[in-house]
């Protein structure tokens, strides 16, 4: 492979230890290493990324306050630190609260293909801002067991014939003065792919250095990606819009696919991938939005709708009366049969379940990622006769249904013991709505009259969305933050980072 070198300049190196932080900040590596990127974004054109200006690490009054505020979003414990799940949820909430047009993608050891060097390289080269956690492990009877970790901001990567290296800012490297910011320092580590069993999971991870007491592995990768949207403006091609983290500019590019007859549905997969369904062919194609490469995953006659979700990264395909779950290679791993046709489906990440809508049955059915049926709810009525769309609000878990050509959205708040009554609200769009998706918390990104428009959950237009007014085809998908962290594992103290 050719040599590769990535370096990003002018990234702050904030200290995690401040006298004014709980516990002196000794366990605050996660909010601190993440705040480096908020300062970077703020100083490059988006000052709203920080809560207390200026975005200057040497400002000893505002810097620990910014770290403290982010730690509250991330539920950082003053002694145990921050779990991967709280890290992701807190960062996602912060980006929305501070109006930064970005998504947060977290990959852990549960999905080792995304924490290997080639994908770090691709994500960094595509504009992703990377933070990692370096886990400390001890080897017992041939298995590696985690005993805590530490978060670091990635400012460089290189791959040559001599090996692979990473360059980071370590928030724990300071000059010992808890009242003042230290000078920036860089740390370099040699990375070696290593296969093993890590806390019960067989995986290949990047080993940092050569220490055996403890062993050190990169087992979390957090990527801040610019918010992006995907639509089908022409034939079988995809148009991808990417917001800028440092300006109001939006980049547009077209990616061809082999689906020359047109695209029937889209589903965004984590880390800049999209699944596309061919019109009338049943061909399901995976498109890598970083490289632009396409590959056919499967051919499923009668396929009509797509959804992606689950910590095992399943692609769910609705045929007429079947739902099929495919793995990353397009292999069928499970299937469920229904007695009525399927009209829409969506994955509820918070509850780790698939929601299937059937108009003729009048039901919203719940399935596990393994496609085991877990109950149903009455399907709310959505005025109109057009194509039905179903989405799940990632903030409050509300199910929202819309129809092509109808300026209405039906909302159902589903709770295991107290399902909320459905309501139908009009979108104040001044026109018909051909297709739409609810993606951000309470926000609807709509393809209306060939243009993207954004509404809040009450049907009012939202100004300031980076995609407002851009051309759109009949299908529109807007990216959302995602994580494959196992909630049960992340609750264990050894999986916190400090």
Foldseek 3Di string as FASTA:
>chain_A
DDKDKAFDPDQDQAAQAAPPAQLRRPQLQLLRQVVSVLLVLCVQAQVLSFDDDDSDNQPLPRNVVRSRVLCVLLVADSPLHGFPVSSQRSVQVSCVVSVQQKFKAKAFQLDQVCQDDVNVRLQVVLPKWKKWKKFWWAADPFETETFFTGIWGWRMWIQDPVAIKTKTRGSNDADPDNRGTHDTDIDMWGWDWDFGHYPNRTHTFTWTHDDVNPTITTGMMMIIARWKKWFDPDAQKIWMWGADSRHLDIDIDIAHDPQRRHWQEWEDFPDQKMWTAHPQFQWIKIARRSVSDIDTQDRDHQWHYWEWDALQTWIWTFHQFKIFTAHPNNDTDAMDGHPGGWQEKYAQHVVQWIWTDGVVVQWTWIAHSRGDTDDIDGHDDEPDDARKYWYAENPQRWIWIYGAFAQKIKIWRDDPVDTDDIDIAGAPPVGGFRDWYDAYHQKIFTQTPQATWIAGVRNHTDPDDSRGGPGHDSYMDIDHYDYSDDVVVSVDSSSHHD
